[in-house]
Amino acid sequence: MPVLTKLPDAEIARYYESAAVEGVEGRELSGTVYVNPSRSWKDDYKSVIVQFFDGFHDPGLDMRCH
């Protein structure tokens, strides 16, 4: 999930790493935050990628999961 923000790096990481996101099989997923150290094309914004990994389960017939 790409995000543009003006928030401080520590606040961004703290929020997303503690966010309650439920995976396909109901278990809670932990988030990983990657902050681009250089500024975005938009003044005073920085780009951030937030990643939640939900793996290690049978994808069944859902081709998006293969």
PDB file of N, CA and C in Angstrom:
ATOM      1  N   MET A   1       0.846  -1.159   0.000  1.00  0.00           N
ATOM      2  CA  MET A   1       0.000   0.000   0.000  1.00  0.00           C
ATOM      3  C   MET A   1       0.898   1.231   0.000  1.00  0.00           C
ATOM      4  N   PRO A   2       0.907   2.026  -1.068  1.00  0.00           N
ATOM      5  CA  PRO A   2       1.714   3.253  -1.086  1.00  0.00           C
ATOM      6  C   PRO A   2       0.976   4.392  -0.374  1.00  0.00           C
ATOM      7  N   VAL A   3       1.713   5.206   0.347  1.00  0.00           N
ATOM      8  CA  VAL A   3       1.143   6.309   1.117  1.00  0.00           C
ATOM      9  C   VAL A   3       2.025   7.537   0.937  1.00  0.00           C
ATOM     10  N   LEU A   4       1.422   8.725   0.837  1.00  0.00           N
ATOM     11  CA  LEU A   4       2.156   9.993   0.886  1.00  0.00           C
ATOM     12  C   LEU A   4       1.774  10.676   2.187  1.00  0.00           C
ATOM     13  N   THR A   5       2.772  11.163   2.936  1.00  0.00           N
ATOM     14  CA  THR A   5       2.499  11.757   4.238  1.00  0.00           C
ATOM     15  C   THR A   5       3.545  12.789   4.617  1.00  0.00           C
ATOM     16  N   LYS A   6       3.192  13.607   5.605  1.00  0.00           N
ATOM     17  CA  LYS A   6       4.129  14.553   6.198  1.00  0.00           C
ATOM     18  C   LYS A   6       4.495  14.137   7.626  1.00  0.00           C
ATOM     19  N   LEU A   7       3.940  13.036   8.102  1.00  0.00           N
ATOM     20  CA  LEU A   7       4.195  12.588   9.471  1.00  0.00           C
ATOM     21  C   LEU A   7       5.647  12.186   9.678  1.00  0.00           C
ATOM     22  N   PRO A   8       6.161  12.297  10.895  1.00  0.00           N
ATOM     23  CA  PRO A   8       7.524  11.851  11.185  1.00  0.00           C
ATOM     24  C   PRO A   8       7.657  10.330  10.998  1.00  0.00           C
ATOM     25  N   ASP A   9       8.830   9.882  10.584  1.00  0.00           N
ATOM     26  CA  ASP A   9       9.070   8.457  10.322  1.00  0.00           C
ATOM     27  C   ASP A   9       8.690   7.569  11.495  1.00  0.00           C
ATOM     28  N   ALA A  10       9.074   7.943  12.703  1.00  0.00           N
ATOM     29  CA  ALA A  10       8.801   7.116  13.883  1.00  0.00           C
ATOM     30  C   ALA A  10       7.298   6.958  14.113  1.00  0.00           C
ATOM     31  N   GLU A  11       6.547   8.010  13.878  1.00  0.00           N
ATOM     32  CA  GLU A  11       5.094   7.942  14.069  1.00  0.00           C
ATOM     33  C   GLU A  11       4.437   7.032  13.032  1.00  0.00           C
ATOM     34  N   ILE A  12       4.915   7.102  11.799  1.00  0.00           N
ATOM     35  CA  ILE A  12       4.401   6.239  10.734  1.00  0.00           C
ATOM     36  C   ILE A  12       4.660   4.776  11.079  1.00  0.00           C
ATOM     37  N   ALA A  13       5.882   4.461  11.428  1.00  0.00           N
ATOM     38  CA  ALA A  13       6.256   3.087  11.757  1.00  0.00           C
ATOM     39  C   ALA A  13       5.463   2.582  12.952  1.00  0.00           C
ATOM     40  N   ARG A  14       5.354   3.376  14.001  1.00  0.00           N
ATOM     41  CA  ARG A  14       4.633   2.968  15.213  1.00  0.00           C
ATOM     42  C   ARG A  14       3.164   2.666  14.891  1.00  0.00           C
ATOM     43  N   TYR A  15       2.537   3.494  14.079  1.00  0.00           N
ATOM     44  CA  TYR A  15       1.128   3.290  13.752  1.00  0.00           C
ATOM     45  C   TYR A  15       0.908   1.991  12.966  1.00  0.00           C
ATOM     46  N   TYR A  16       1.624   1.827  11.862  1.00  0.00           N
ATOM     47  CA  TYR A  16       1.373   0.669  11.001  1.00  0.00           C
ATOM     48  C   TYR A  16       1.900  -0.635  11.582  1.00  0.00           C
ATOM     49  N   GLU A  17       2.968  -0.596  12.357  1.00  0.00           N
ATOM     50  CA  GLU A  17       3.476  -1.827  12.952  1.00  0.00           C
ATOM     51  C   GLU A  17       2.585  -2.311  14.090  1.00  0.00           C
ATOM     52  N   SER A  18       1.720  -1.443  14.614  1.00  0.00           N
ATOM     53  CA  SER A  18       0.805  -1.867  15.673  1.00  0.00           C
ATOM     54  C   SER A  18      -0.646  -1.945  15.182  1.00  0.00           C
ATOM     55  N   ALA A  19      -0.888  -1.691  13.885  1.00  0.00           N
ATOM     56  CA  ALA A  19      -2.256  -1.740  13.347  1.00  0.00           C
ATOM     57  C   ALA A  19      -2.779  -3.176  13.388  1.00  0.00           C
ATOM     58  N   ALA A  20      -4.042  -3.329  13.738  1.00  0.00           N
ATOM     59  CA  ALA A  20      -4.670  -4.657  13.790  1.00  0.00           C
ATOM     60  C   ALA A  20      -5.253  -4.979  12.415  1.00  0.00           C
ATOM     61  N   VAL A  21      -4.543  -5.815  11.669  1.00  0.00           N
ATOM     62  CA  VAL A  21      -4.991  -6.240  10.343  1.00  0.00           C
ATOM     63  C   VAL A  21      -5.147  -7.750  10.389  1.00  0.00           C
ATOM     64  N   GLU A  22      -6.311  -8.218   9.972  1.00  0.00           N
ATOM     65  CA  GLU A  22      -6.608  -9.648  10.024  1.00  0.00           C
ATOM     66  C   GLU A  22      -6.350 -10.287   8.668  1.00  0.00           C
ATOM     67  N   GLY A  23      -5.671 -11.423   8.681  1.00  0.00           N
ATOM     68  CA  GLY A  23      -5.381 -12.160   7.459  1.00  0.00           C
ATOM     69  C   GLY A  23      -6.550 -13.017   7.015  1.00  0.00           C
ATOM     70  N   VAL A  24      -6.360 -13.747   5.935  1.00  0.00           N
ATOM     71  CA  VAL A  24      -7.405 -14.578   5.342  1.00  0.00           C
ATOM     72  C   VAL A  24      -7.945 -15.603   6.332  1.00  0.00           C
ATOM     73  N   GLU A  25      -7.070 -16.223   7.092  1.00  0.00           N
ATOM     74  CA  GLU A  25      -7.495 -17.268   8.020  1.00  0.00           C
ATOM     75  C   GLU A  25      -7.752 -16.727   9.424  1.00  0.00           C
ATOM     76  N   GLY A  26      -7.868 -15.416   9.569  1.00  0.00           N
ATOM     77  CA  GLY A  26      -8.230 -14.819  10.839  1.00  0.00           C
ATOM     78  C   GLY A  26      -7.090 -14.464  11.774  1.00  0.00           C
ATOM     79  N   ARG A  27      -5.862 -14.827  11.427  1.00  0.00           N
ATOM     80  CA  ARG A  27      -4.759 -14.475  12.328  1.00  0.00           C
ATOM     81  C   ARG A  27      -4.324 -13.033  12.086  1.00  0.00           C
ATOM     82  N   GLU A  28      -3.798 -12.419  13.145  1.00  0.00           N
ATOM     83  CA  GLU A  28      -3.357 -11.031  13.046  1.00  0.00           C
ATOM     84  C   GLU A  28      -2.046 -10.945  12.275  1.00  0.00           C
ATOM     85  N   LEU A  29      -1.964  -9.970  11.369  1.00  0.00           N
ATOM     86  CA  LEU A  29      -0.756  -9.771  10.570  1.00  0.00           C
ATOM     87  C   LEU A  29       0.029  -8.587  11.121  1.00  0.00           C
ATOM     88  N   SER A  30       1.349  -8.661  11.032  1.00  0.00           N
ATOM     89  CA  SER A  30       2.171  -7.521  11.441  1.00  0.00           C
ATOM     90  C   SER A  30       2.589  -6.759  10.193  1.00  0.00           C
ATOM     91  N   GLY A  31       2.700  -5.448  10.334  1.00  0.00           N
ATOM     92  CA  GLY A  31       3.056  -4.600   9.205  1.00  0.00           C
ATOM     93  C   GLY A  31       4.530  -4.249   9.206  1.00  0.00           C
ATOM     94  N   THR A  32       5.065  -4.027   8.022  1.00  0.00           N
ATOM     95  CA  THR A  32       6.431  -3.549   7.843  1.00  0.00           C
ATOM     96  C   THR A  32       6.346  -2.244   7.066  1.00  0.00           C
ATOM     97  N   VAL A  33       7.089  -1.244   7.518  1.00  0.00           N
ATOM     98  CA  VAL A  33       7.022   0.087   6.924  1.00  0.00           C
ATOM     99  C   VAL A  33       8.369   0.431   6.295  1.00  0.00           C
ATOM    100  N   TYR A  34       8.333   0.896   5.049  1.00  0.00           N
ATOM    101  CA  TYR A  34       9.528   1.344   4.340  1.00  0.00           C
ATOM    102  C   TYR A  34       9.326   2.822   3.990  1.00  0.00           C
ATOM    103  N   VAL A  35      10.167   3.694   4.530  1.00  0.00           N
ATOM    104  CA  VAL A  35      10.061   5.123   4.272  1.00  0.00           C
ATOM    105  C   VAL A  35      11.153   5.532   3.292  1.00  0.00           C
ATOM    106  N   ASN A  36      10.759   6.190   2.198  1.00  0.00           N
ATOM    107  CA  ASN A  36      11.715   6.696   1.224  1.00  0.00           C
ATOM    108  C   ASN A  36      12.424   7.903   1.852  1.00  0.00           C
ATOM    109  N   PRO A  37      13.747   7.864   1.985  1.00  0.00           N
ATOM    110  CA  PRO A  37      14.463   8.949   2.657  1.00  0.00           C
ATOM    111  C   PRO A  37      14.442  10.278   1.897  1.00  0.00           C
ATOM    112  N   SER A  38      14.191  10.239   0.594  1.00  0.00           N
ATOM    113  CA  SER A  38      14.139  11.492  -0.169  1.00  0.00           C
ATOM    114  C   SER A  38      12.697  11.982  -0.249  1.00  0.00           C
ATOM    115  N   ARG A  39      12.540  13.260  -0.420  1.00  0.00           N
ATOM    116  CA  ARG A  39      11.207  13.854  -0.496  1.00  0.00           C
ATOM    117  C   ARG A  39      10.501  13.434  -1.780  1.00  0.00           C
ATOM    118  N   SER A  40       9.201  13.484  -1.758  1.00  0.00           N
ATOM    119  CA  SER A  40       8.376  13.123  -2.897  1.00  0.00           C
ATOM    120  C   SER A  40       8.347  14.276  -3.906  1.00  0.00           C
ATOM    121  N   TRP A  41       7.679  14.045  -5.018  1.00  0.00           N
ATOM    122  CA  TRP A  41       7.487  15.098  -6.016  1.00  0.00           C
ATOM    123  C   TRP A  41       6.612  16.212  -5.467  1.00  0.00           C
ATOM    124  N   LYS A  42       5.860  15.938  -4.431  1.00  0.00           N
ATOM    125  CA  LYS A  42       4.987  16.925  -3.812  1.00  0.00           C
ATOM    126  C   LYS A  42       5.717  17.505  -2.603  1.00  0.00           C
ATOM    127  N   ASP A  43       5.789  18.813  -2.495  1.00  0.00           N
ATOM    128  CA  ASP A  43       6.551  19.487  -1.448  1.00  0.00           C
ATOM    129  C   ASP A  43       6.230  18.971  -0.050  1.00  0.00           C
ATOM    130  N   ASP A  44       7.292  18.677   0.696  1.00  0.00           N
ATOM    131  CA  ASP A  44       7.226  18.264   2.098  1.00  0.00           C
ATOM    132  C   ASP A  44       6.542  16.928   2.348  1.00  0.00           C
ATOM    133  N   TYR A  45       6.215  16.183   1.314  1.00  0.00           N
ATOM    134  CA  TYR A  45       5.643  14.855   1.503  1.00  0.00           C
ATOM    135  C   TYR A  45       6.744  13.823   1.299  1.00  0.00           C
ATOM    136  N   LYS A  46       6.606  12.689   1.953  1.00  0.00           N
ATOM    137  CA  LYS A  46       7.514  11.567   1.709  1.00  0.00           C
ATOM    138  C   LYS A  46       6.680  10.356   1.327  1.00  0.00           C
ATOM    139  N   SER A  47       7.247   9.480   0.530  1.00  0.00           N
ATOM    140  CA  SER A  47       6.507   8.283   0.145  1.00  0.00           C
ATOM    141  C   SER A  47       6.854   7.145   1.099  1.00  0.00           C
ATOM    142  N   VAL A  48       5.837   6.367   1.396  1.00  0.00           N
ATOM    143  CA  VAL A  48       5.961   5.276   2.357  1.00  0.00           C
ATOM    144  C   VAL A  48       5.286   4.056   1.745  1.00  0.00           C
ATOM    145  N   ILE A  49       5.874   2.892   1.933  1.00  0.00           N
ATOM    146  CA  ILE A  49       5.237   1.641   1.526  1.00  0.00           C
ATOM    147  C   ILE A  49       4.974   0.849   2.798  1.00  0.00           C
ATOM    148  N   VAL A  50       3.727   0.400   2.944  1.00  0.00           N
ATOM    149  CA  VAL A  50       3.342  -0.414   4.089  1.00  0.00           C
ATOM    150  C   VAL A  50       3.019  -1.801   3.556  1.00  0.00           C
ATOM    151  N   GLN A  51       3.638  -2.819   4.142  1.00  0.00           N
ATOM    152  CA  GLN A  51       3.475  -4.183   3.644  1.00  0.00           C
ATOM    153  C   GLN A  51       2.970  -5.087   4.758  1.00  0.00           C
ATOM    154  N   PHE A  52       1.897  -5.825   4.459  1.00  0.00           N
ATOM    155  CA  PHE A  52       1.389  -6.860   5.360  1.00  0.00           C
ATOM    156  C   PHE A  52       1.476  -8.176   4.599  1.00  0.00           C
ATOM    157  N   PHE A  53       2.139  -9.162   5.171  1.00  0.00           N
ATOM    158  CA  PHE A  53       2.322 -10.448   4.493  1.00  0.00           C
ATOM    159  C   PHE A  53       1.385 -11.477   5.108  1.00  0.00           C
ATOM    160  N   ASP A  54       0.578 -12.099   4.261  1.00  0.00           N
ATOM    161  CA  ASP A  54      -0.340 -13.148   4.700  1.00  0.00           C
ATOM    162  C   ASP A  54      -0.077 -14.375   3.848  1.00  0.00           C
ATOM    163  N   GLY A  55       0.812 -15.207   4.293  1.00  0.00           N
ATOM    164  CA  GLY A  55       1.195 -16.372   3.510  1.00  0.00           C
ATOM    165  C   GLY A  55       1.046 -17.657   4.288  1.00  0.00           C
ATOM    166  N   PHE A  56       1.586 -18.694   3.730  1.00  0.00           N
ATOM    167  CA  PHE A  56       1.634 -20.003   4.371  1.00  0.00           C
ATOM    168  C   PHE A  56       0.252 -20.623   4.564  1.00  0.00           C
ATOM    169  N   HIS A  57      -0.654 -20.389   3.614  1.00  0.00           N
ATOM    170  CA  HIS A  57      -1.940 -21.073   3.637  1.00  0.00           C
ATOM    171  C   HIS A  57      -2.282 -21.478   2.195  1.00  0.00           C
ATOM    172  N   ASP A  58      -3.167 -22.425   2.073  1.00  0.00           N
ATOM    173  CA  ASP A  58      -3.554 -22.946   0.766  1.00  0.00           C
ATOM    174  C   ASP A  58      -4.366 -21.903  -0.002  1.00  0.00           C
ATOM    175  N   PRO A  59      -3.903 -21.478  -1.201  1.00  0.00           N
ATOM    176  CA  PRO A  59      -4.633 -20.473  -1.970  1.00  0.00           C
ATOM    177  C   PRO A  59      -5.898 -21.008  -2.634  1.00  0.00           C
ATOM    178  N   GLY A  60      -6.079 -22.326  -2.617  1.00  0.00           N
ATOM    179  CA  GLY A  60      -7.264 -22.900  -3.257  1.00  0.00           C
ATOM    180  C   GLY A  60      -7.280 -22.592  -4.740  1.00  0.00           C
ATOM    181  N   LEU A  61      -8.432 -22.222  -5.249  1.00  0.00           N
ATOM    182  CA  LEU A  61      -8.569 -21.926  -6.677  1.00  0.00           C
ATOM    183  C   LEU A  61      -8.417 -20.443  -6.996  1.00  0.00           C
ATOM    184  N   ASP A  62      -8.035 -19.643  -6.031  1.00  0.00           N
ATOM    185  CA  ASP A  62      -7.872 -18.202  -6.260  1.00  0.00           C
ATOM    186  C   ASP A  62      -6.548 -17.966  -6.997  1.00  0.00           C
ATOM    187  N   MET A  63      -6.624 -17.679  -8.294  1.00  0.00           N
ATOM    188  CA  MET A  63      -5.424 -17.544  -9.133  1.00  0.00           C
ATOM    189  C   MET A  63      -4.568 -16.336  -8.742  1.00  0.00           C
ATOM    190  N   ARG A  64      -5.164 -15.332  -8.061  1.00  0.00           N
ATOM    191  CA  ARG A  64      -4.390 -14.172  -7.630  1.00  0.00           C
ATOM    192  C   ARG A  64      -3.352 -14.564  -6.584  1.00  0.00           C
ATOM    193  N   CYS A  65      -3.519 -15.692  -5.946  1.00  0.00           N
ATOM    194  CA  CYS A  65      -2.645 -16.106  -4.848  1.00  0.00           C
ATOM    195  C   CYS A  65      -1.583 -17.110  -5.266  1.00  0.00           C
ATOM    196  N   HIS A  66      -1.464 -17.389  -6.555  1.00  0.00           N
ATOM    197  CA  HIS A  66      -0.466 -18.355  -7.040  1.00  0.00           C
ATOM    198  C   HIS A  66       0.751 -17.656  -7.568  1.00  0.00           C
TER     199      HIS A  66
END
